N, C-alpha and C. Protein backbone atom coordinates (compact mmCIF):
# COMPACT_ATOMS: atom_id res chain seq x y z
N UNK A 1 15.30 7.18 13.51
CA UNK A 1 16.59 6.92 13.31
C UNK A 1 17.00 5.99 11.34
N UNK A 2 17.13 5.37 12.26
CA UNK A 2 17.32 4.34 11.49
C UNK A 2 15.99 4.13 10.66
N UNK A 3 15.13 4.67 10.25
CA UNK A 3 14.09 4.52 9.39
C UNK A 3 14.04 6.03 8.77
N UNK A 4 14.77 6.39 8.98
CA UNK A 4 15.24 8.14 7.79
C UNK A 4 15.72 7.77 6.59
N UNK A 5 17.18 6.75 7.88
CA UNK A 5 18.15 6.41 7.16
C UNK A 5 17.68 5.29 5.77
N UNK A 6 16.81 4.11 6.34
CA UNK A 6 16.50 3.84 5.01
C UNK A 6 15.92 4.60 4.02
N UNK A 7 14.59 5.46 4.36
CA UNK A 7 14.26 6.29 3.23
C UNK A 7 15.17 6.92 2.50
N UNK A 8 15.79 7.13 2.66
CA UNK A 8 17.20 7.92 2.23
C UNK A 8 17.70 6.49 0.96
N UNK A 9 18.25 5.77 1.72
CA UNK A 9 19.28 4.85 0.92
C UNK A 9 18.11 3.94 0.13
N UNK A 10 16.50 3.30 0.13
CA UNK A 10 16.04 2.68 -0.38
C UNK A 10 15.26 2.65 -1.68
N UNK A 11 15.91 2.11 -2.63
CA UNK A 11 14.98 2.63 -3.87
C UNK A 11 14.37 1.40 -4.19
N UNK A 12 13.62 2.08 -5.08
CA UNK A 12 12.28 1.63 -5.61
C UNK A 12 11.79 0.92 -7.25
N UNK A 13 11.74 -0.07 -7.11
CA UNK A 13 11.30 0.00 -8.18
C UNK A 13 9.89 0.89 -8.16
N UNK A 14 9.68 1.28 -9.63
CA UNK A 14 8.29 1.58 -10.58
C UNK A 14 7.90 1.03 -11.83
N UNK A 15 6.60 1.27 -11.80
CA UNK A 15 6.49 0.40 -13.33
C UNK A 15 4.87 1.48 -13.01
N UNK A 16 4.74 1.06 -14.62
CA UNK A 16 2.81 1.52 -14.63
C UNK A 16 2.15 0.08 -14.83
N UNK A 17 1.20 -0.24 -14.16
CA UNK A 17 0.04 -0.70 -13.75
C UNK A 17 -1.54 0.10 -14.35
N UNK A 18 -2.85 -1.49 -15.04
CA UNK A 18 -3.98 -1.15 -14.56
C UNK A 18 -4.69 -1.81 -13.41
N UNK A 19 -5.40 -0.75 -12.73
CA UNK A 19 -6.12 -1.34 -11.58
C UNK A 19 -7.14 -0.71 -12.01
N UNK A 20 -8.37 -2.10 -11.78
CA UNK A 20 -9.75 -1.45 -12.39
C UNK A 20 -9.08 -1.42 -13.76
N UNK A 21 -8.55 -2.10 -14.68
CA UNK A 21 -9.47 -0.52 -16.08
C UNK A 21 -8.09 0.66 -15.89
N UNK A 22 -8.14 1.31 -14.72
CA UNK A 22 -7.24 2.62 -14.84
C UNK A 22 -5.48 3.09 -14.43
N UNK A 23 -4.95 2.71 -15.56
CA UNK A 23 -3.59 3.37 -15.49
C UNK A 23 -3.25 4.12 -14.25
N UNK A 24 -2.62 3.33 -13.75
CA UNK A 24 -1.62 4.07 -12.42
C UNK A 24 0.26 3.40 -12.61
N UNK A 25 0.61 4.49 -11.48
CA UNK A 25 2.35 4.16 -11.49
C UNK A 25 1.76 3.51 -10.24
N UNK A 26 3.07 2.03 -9.73
CA UNK A 26 2.74 1.84 -8.73
C UNK A 26 4.65 1.69 -7.75
N UNK A 27 4.84 1.80 -7.07
CA UNK A 27 6.23 1.61 -6.13
C UNK A 27 5.95 0.02 -5.82
N UNK A 28 7.02 -0.49 -6.38
CA UNK A 28 6.98 -2.14 -6.00
C UNK A 28 7.73 -2.28 -4.15
N UNK A 29 6.99 -2.70 -3.36
CA UNK A 29 7.29 -3.01 -1.88
C UNK A 29 8.43 -4.37 -2.05
N UNK A 30 8.41 -5.52 -2.40
CA UNK A 30 9.02 -6.17 -2.19
C UNK A 30 10.23 -7.00 -1.21
N UNK A 31 10.61 -6.44 -1.01
CA UNK A 31 11.33 -6.83 -0.17
C UNK A 31 11.46 -5.72 1.09
N UNK A 32 12.07 -6.97 2.67
CA UNK A 32 12.11 -6.38 3.76
C UNK A 32 12.69 -4.53 3.96
N UNK A 33 13.68 -4.50 2.96
CA UNK A 33 13.71 -2.79 3.49
C UNK A 33 12.43 -2.01 2.74
N UNK A 34 11.54 -2.06 2.01
CA UNK A 34 11.44 -1.60 0.97
C UNK A 34 9.72 -1.82 1.40
N UNK A 35 9.80 -2.36 1.97
CA UNK A 35 8.75 -3.33 2.77
C UNK A 35 8.49 -1.93 4.56
N UNK A 36 9.71 -2.10 4.74
CA UNK A 36 9.18 -2.01 6.16
C UNK A 36 9.94 0.43 6.22
N UNK A 37 9.65 0.79 4.32
CA UNK A 37 9.51 2.17 4.55
C UNK A 37 8.76 2.52 4.21
N UNK A 38 7.25 2.12 3.11
CA UNK A 38 6.45 2.04 2.89
C UNK A 38 7.18 3.47 1.52
N UNK A 39 5.55 4.51 2.58
CA UNK A 39 5.40 5.97 2.20
C UNK A 39 5.21 6.85 2.56
N UNK A 40 6.61 6.52 4.47
CA UNK A 40 7.38 6.57 4.97
C UNK A 40 7.57 7.99 4.18
N UNK A 41 7.52 9.60 5.59
CA UNK A 41 8.59 10.53 5.31
C UNK A 41 7.97 11.46 3.64
N UNK A 42 7.26 10.43 2.90
CA UNK A 42 6.56 11.10 1.70
C UNK A 42 5.70 11.80 1.71
N UNK A 43 5.95 13.23 0.33
CA UNK A 43 4.70 14.19 1.09
C UNK A 43 2.90 14.38 0.54
N UNK A 44 3.56 13.02 -0.20
CA UNK A 44 2.61 12.99 -0.51
C UNK A 44 2.32 11.40 -2.26
N UNK A 45 1.75 11.82 -2.47
CA UNK A 45 1.69 10.89 -4.01
C UNK A 45 0.41 11.50 -5.29
N UNK A 46 1.50 11.16 -5.59
CA UNK A 46 0.19 12.00 -7.71
C UNK A 46 -1.43 11.64 -7.49
N UNK A 47 -1.60 12.09 -8.93
CA UNK A 47 -3.15 10.70 -9.09
C UNK A 47 -2.23 9.98 -10.14
N UNK A 48 -3.05 8.75 -9.91
CA UNK A 48 -2.59 7.65 -10.10
C UNK A 48 -1.83 6.87 -9.34
N UNK A 49 -0.41 6.68 -8.42
CA UNK A 49 0.16 6.84 -8.14
C UNK A 49 0.34 6.03 -6.70
N UNK A 50 0.50 4.76 -6.64
CA UNK A 50 0.77 3.90 -5.20
C UNK A 50 1.56 3.42 -5.14
N UNK A 51 1.93 2.17 -3.80
CA UNK A 51 2.57 1.42 -4.18
C UNK A 51 1.68 0.20 -3.74
N UNK A 52 2.31 -1.32 -4.18
CA UNK A 52 1.77 -2.17 -4.72
C UNK A 52 3.43 -2.99 -3.38
N UNK A 53 2.23 -4.05 -1.85
CA UNK A 53 3.25 -5.15 -1.60
C UNK A 53 3.02 -5.73 -1.92
N UNK A 54 4.17 -6.80 -2.37
CA UNK A 54 4.02 -8.26 -2.85
C UNK A 54 4.78 -8.98 -1.85
N UNK A 55 4.09 -9.35 -0.55
CA UNK A 55 4.58 -10.49 0.22
C UNK A 55 4.65 -11.65 -0.40
N UNK A 56 5.34 -13.37 -0.03
CA UNK A 56 5.97 -14.53 0.02
C UNK A 56 4.17 -15.42 -0.30
N UNK A 57 4.10 -14.57 1.35
CA UNK A 57 2.65 -15.82 1.17
C UNK A 57 1.98 -14.93 1.82
N UNK A 58 0.15 -15.68 2.09
CA UNK A 58 -0.92 -15.06 2.74
C UNK A 58 -0.60 -14.86 4.29
N UNK A 59 -1.58 -13.72 5.09
CA UNK A 59 -0.92 -13.04 6.52
C UNK A 59 -2.40 -12.26 6.06
N UNK A 60 -2.20 -11.74 7.96
CA UNK A 60 -3.10 -10.42 7.90
C UNK A 60 -2.26 -9.85 8.37
N UNK A 61 -1.39 -9.02 6.65
CA UNK A 61 -0.29 -8.56 6.94
C UNK A 61 -0.74 -6.66 7.99
N UNK A 62 -0.28 -6.72 8.81
CA UNK A 62 -0.37 -5.69 8.99
C UNK A 62 0.90 -4.16 8.38
N UNK A 63 -0.47 -3.24 8.57
CA UNK A 63 0.19 -1.80 8.06
C UNK A 63 0.01 -1.35 9.15
N UNK A 64 1.01 0.05 9.12
CA UNK A 64 1.19 0.58 10.39
C UNK A 64 1.40 2.75 9.79
N UNK A 65 1.41 3.59 10.39
CA UNK A 65 0.96 4.28 9.98
C UNK A 65 2.61 5.89 9.99
N UNK A 66 3.27 4.95 10.27
CA UNK A 66 4.23 5.72 11.81
C UNK A 66 5.44 6.53 10.64
N UNK A 67 5.16 7.49 10.77
CA UNK A 67 6.35 8.94 10.20
C UNK A 67 5.87 9.16 8.95
N UNK A 68 4.45 8.83 8.57
CA UNK A 68 3.92 9.28 7.70
C UNK A 68 2.94 10.45 8.39
N UNK A 69 2.74 11.29 6.12
CA UNK A 69 2.28 13.03 6.43
C UNK A 69 1.40 12.78 5.88
N UNK A 70 0.41 11.88 4.67
CA UNK A 70 -1.24 12.46 4.31
C UNK A 70 -1.91 10.53 4.84
N UNK A 71 -2.80 11.42 4.43
CA UNK A 71 -3.65 9.80 4.80
C UNK A 71 -3.93 8.98 3.51
N UNK A 72 -4.31 8.01 3.49
CA UNK A 72 -3.58 6.84 3.18
C UNK A 72 -4.82 5.39 2.65
N UNK A 73 -5.68 4.64 1.81
CA UNK A 73 -6.36 3.34 1.31
C UNK A 73 -5.45 2.86 1.27
N UNK A 74 -5.80 1.40 2.25
CA UNK A 74 -5.03 0.38 2.36
C UNK A 74 -6.22 -0.49 1.49
N UNK A 75 -5.91 -1.29 0.46
CA UNK A 75 -6.84 -2.36 0.44
C UNK A 75 -5.91 -3.89 -0.07
N UNK A 76 -7.04 -4.98 0.69
CA UNK A 76 -5.71 -5.87 0.64
C UNK A 76 -6.29 -7.16 -0.27
N UNK A 77 -5.41 -7.82 -1.22
CA UNK A 77 -5.83 -8.57 -1.48
C UNK A 77 -5.13 -10.16 -1.43
N UNK A 78 -6.16 -11.20 -2.12
CA UNK A 78 -5.99 -12.53 -1.99
C UNK A 78 -4.54 -12.69 -2.70
N UNK A 79 -4.12 -13.75 -2.95
CA UNK A 79 -2.97 -14.71 -3.96
C UNK A 79 -3.91 -14.75 -5.43
N UNK A 80 -5.12 -14.46 -5.19
CA UNK A 80 -5.97 -14.69 -6.46
C UNK A 80 -6.42 -12.88 -7.77
N UNK A 81 -6.15 -11.93 -5.78
CA UNK A 81 -6.29 -10.33 -6.57
C UNK A 81 -7.53 -9.78 -5.85
N UNK A 82 -8.28 -10.89 -5.38
CA UNK A 82 -9.70 -10.77 -5.11
C UNK A 82 -9.27 -9.30 -3.83
N UNK A 83 -10.21 -8.40 -3.65
CA UNK A 83 -9.95 -7.64 -1.80
C UNK A 83 -10.57 -8.41 -0.50
N UNK A 84 -9.69 -8.69 0.39
CA UNK A 84 -10.01 -8.98 1.29
C UNK A 84 -9.98 -8.22 2.81
N UNK A 85 -9.59 -6.91 2.13
CA UNK A 85 -9.50 -6.23 3.00
C UNK A 85 -9.50 -3.71 3.13
N UNK A 86 -10.52 -3.23 3.22
CA UNK A 86 -9.95 -1.97 2.77
C UNK A 86 -10.14 -1.18 4.08
N UNK A 87 -9.05 -0.22 4.48
CA UNK A 87 -9.24 1.09 4.91
C UNK A 87 -8.75 1.97 4.54
N UNK A 88 -9.96 2.52 5.31
CA UNK A 88 -9.81 3.75 3.98
C UNK A 88 -9.45 5.17 5.33
N UNK A 89 -9.23 6.11 4.38
CA UNK A 89 -8.63 7.98 5.40
C UNK A 89 -8.41 7.13 6.55
N UNK A 90 -7.58 5.57 6.27
CA UNK A 90 -6.14 5.54 7.00
C UNK A 90 -5.35 7.32 7.39
N UNK A 91 -5.07 7.31 9.12
CA UNK A 91 -4.75 8.64 8.79
C UNK A 91 -3.27 8.22 9.62
N UNK A 92 -2.20 9.05 9.43
CA UNK A 92 -1.16 9.00 10.49
C UNK A 92 -1.40 9.32 11.26
N UNK A 93 0.16 8.89 11.97
CA UNK A 93 -0.49 8.71 13.49
C UNK A 93 0.39 9.60 14.25
N UNK A 94 0.47 9.99 14.84
CA UNK A 94 -0.06 11.24 15.49
C UNK A 94 1.23 11.91 17.11
N UNK A 95 1.86 10.62 17.02
CA UNK A 95 2.95 10.29 17.83
C UNK A 95 4.16 9.28 17.46
N UNK A 96 5.52 8.98 18.36
CA UNK A 96 6.09 7.93 17.55
C UNK A 96 4.65 6.76 18.52
N UNK A 97 4.43 7.34 20.08
CA UNK A 97 3.33 6.60 20.38
C UNK A 97 1.57 5.57 20.18
N UNK A 98 1.62 6.28 19.15
CA UNK A 98 0.52 6.02 18.40
C UNK A 98 1.03 4.82 17.64
N UNK A 99 0.78 3.54 17.55
CA UNK A 99 1.14 2.68 17.18
C UNK A 99 -0.28 1.65 16.80
N UNK A 100 -1.05 2.17 15.76
CA UNK A 100 -2.38 1.77 15.49
C UNK A 100 -2.08 0.32 14.61
N UNK A 101 -1.86 -0.56 14.22
CA UNK A 101 -1.81 -1.71 13.17
C UNK A 101 -2.77 -1.40 12.85
N UNK A 102 -3.14 -1.31 11.42
CA UNK A 102 -4.22 -1.87 10.52
C UNK A 102 -4.48 -3.07 9.93
N UNK A 103 -5.60 -4.04 10.10
CA UNK A 103 -5.24 -5.50 9.54
C UNK A 103 -6.55 -5.87 8.17
N UNK A 104 -6.99 -7.14 7.71
CA UNK A 104 -7.62 -7.25 7.00
C UNK A 104 -8.13 -8.34 7.96
N UNK A 105 -8.65 -8.91 8.26
CA UNK A 105 -9.76 -9.41 8.98
C UNK A 105 -9.20 -11.41 7.77
N UNK A 106 -9.05 -11.44 7.13
CA UNK A 106 -8.76 -12.06 5.85
C UNK A 106 -7.54 -12.40 5.18
N UNK A 107 -6.81 -12.67 6.01
CA UNK A 107 -5.13 -12.66 5.19
C UNK A 107 -5.45 -12.55 3.92
N UNK A 108 -4.14 -11.79 3.26
CA UNK A 108 -3.85 -11.02 2.09
C UNK A 108 -2.58 -11.35 1.39
N UNK A 109 -2.18 -11.27 0.03
CA UNK A 109 -1.14 -12.15 -0.14
C UNK A 109 -0.04 -10.27 -0.43
N UNK A 110 -1.22 -9.06 -1.22
CA UNK A 110 -0.38 -8.11 -1.64
C UNK A 110 -1.41 -7.08 -1.30
N UNK A 111 -0.56 -5.97 -1.01
CA UNK A 111 -1.40 -5.11 -0.19
C UNK A 111 -1.07 -3.80 -1.23
N UNK A 112 -2.06 -3.48 -1.63
CA UNK A 112 -2.29 -1.04 -1.90
C UNK A 112 -1.81 -0.29 -1.36
N UNK A 113 -1.76 0.42 -1.54
CA UNK A 113 -1.37 1.73 -0.62
C UNK A 113 -2.16 2.79 -1.76
N UNK A 114 -3.05 3.75 -1.47
CA UNK A 114 -3.42 5.10 -2.52
C UNK A 114 -3.20 6.25 -2.32
N UNK A 115 -3.57 7.57 -2.22
CA UNK A 115 -3.67 8.02 -1.26
C UNK A 115 -5.67 8.04 -0.72
N UNK A 116 -6.00 8.76 -0.40
CA UNK A 116 -7.20 8.31 0.82
C UNK A 116 -8.68 8.50 -0.63
N UNK A 117 -9.15 7.87 -0.07
CA UNK A 117 -10.55 8.58 -1.15
C UNK A 117 -10.29 7.83 -2.81
N UNK A 118 -8.97 7.05 -2.95
CA UNK A 118 -8.91 6.33 -4.15
C UNK A 118 -10.10 4.74 -3.87
N UNK A 119 -9.96 4.21 -2.25
CA UNK A 119 -10.78 3.64 -3.10
C UNK A 119 -12.71 2.70 -3.47
N UNK A 120 -12.56 5.11 -2.95
CA UNK A 120 -14.14 5.12 -2.97
C UNK A 120 -14.34 6.00 -4.68
N UNK A 121 -13.95 6.77 -4.81
CA UNK A 121 -13.27 7.12 -6.44
C UNK A 121 -13.89 5.59 -7.53
N UNK A 122 -13.06 4.99 -6.92
CA UNK A 122 -12.34 3.96 -7.93
C UNK A 122 -13.94 2.65 -7.64
N UNK A 123 -14.70 3.04 -6.92
CA UNK A 123 -15.54 1.68 -6.72
C UNK A 123 -15.49 0.14 -6.03
N UNK A 124 -14.31 0.46 -4.86
CA UNK A 124 -13.19 -0.65 -4.93
C UNK A 124 -13.72 -1.27 -3.42
N UNK A 125 -14.97 -2.34 -3.40
CA UNK A 125 -15.45 -3.84 -2.76
C UNK A 125 -14.32 -4.12 -1.99
N UNK A 126 -14.51 -5.19 -1.48
CA UNK A 126 -14.60 -6.15 -0.97
C UNK A 126 -15.21 -7.53 -1.79
N UNK A 127 -14.13 -8.01 -1.74
CA UNK A 127 -15.67 -9.01 -3.14
C UNK A 127 -14.87 -8.97 -4.60
N UNK A 128 -14.35 -7.76 -4.15
CA UNK A 128 -14.27 -7.40 -6.12
C UNK A 128 -13.22 -8.10 -6.77
N UNK A 129 -12.49 -8.54 -7.15
CA UNK A 129 -11.93 -9.21 -8.43
C UNK A 129 -10.55 -7.41 -9.07
N UNK A 130 -9.89 -7.35 -8.02
CA UNK A 130 -9.26 -6.34 -9.46
C UNK A 130 -7.51 -6.86 -9.71
N UNK A 131 -7.77 -6.10 -10.80
CA UNK A 131 -6.45 -7.09 -11.78
C UNK A 131 -5.49 -5.56 -11.71
N UNK A 132 -4.74 -6.51 -11.30
CA UNK A 132 -3.19 -5.28 -11.23
C UNK A 132 -2.95 -6.10 -12.16
N UNK A 133 -2.37 -5.96 -12.83
CA UNK A 133 -0.79 -6.15 -13.82
C UNK A 133 -0.52 -5.27 -14.17
N UNK A 134 1.25 -5.90 -14.28
CA UNK A 134 2.37 -4.72 -14.46
C UNK A 134 3.70 -5.65 -15.21
N UNK A 135 4.36 -5.24 -15.06
CA UNK A 135 5.62 -5.58 -15.83
C UNK A 135 6.37 -5.62 -14.76
N UNK A 136 7.30 -6.38 -14.01
CA UNK A 136 9.12 -6.16 -13.57
C UNK A 136 10.14 -5.60 -14.68
N UNK A 137 9.99 -5.98 -15.87
CA UNK A 137 10.80 -5.27 -16.11
C UNK A 137 10.68 -3.85 -16.83
């Protein structure tokens, strides 16, 4: 219930960006509330839409799929925007008791989430330097 209230009351900044040269539109999750809500309760993402989690430091940030309605690709990036982990086709939790958490093997500072298939279509691999350029103004 609390997550639903947060979803209904939390506003995300939206930015235009480029990911590996491809234009994308990103929701920015850089506060506790936006990171907690993430993509919960959404029915999907449009083509070229995603979410960028911006953390204050590097760590093995975990992503869970509670209250998700569609599968996603999760891409972890270090402070230099180098891919340190990828989870393709992460599935929504099957029940409230399903508390699977996905983590990268190495520390990351940023996390990108796109609809499942994005990482494969764009040939994103661990070790790639993924340039994500955006203007927060």
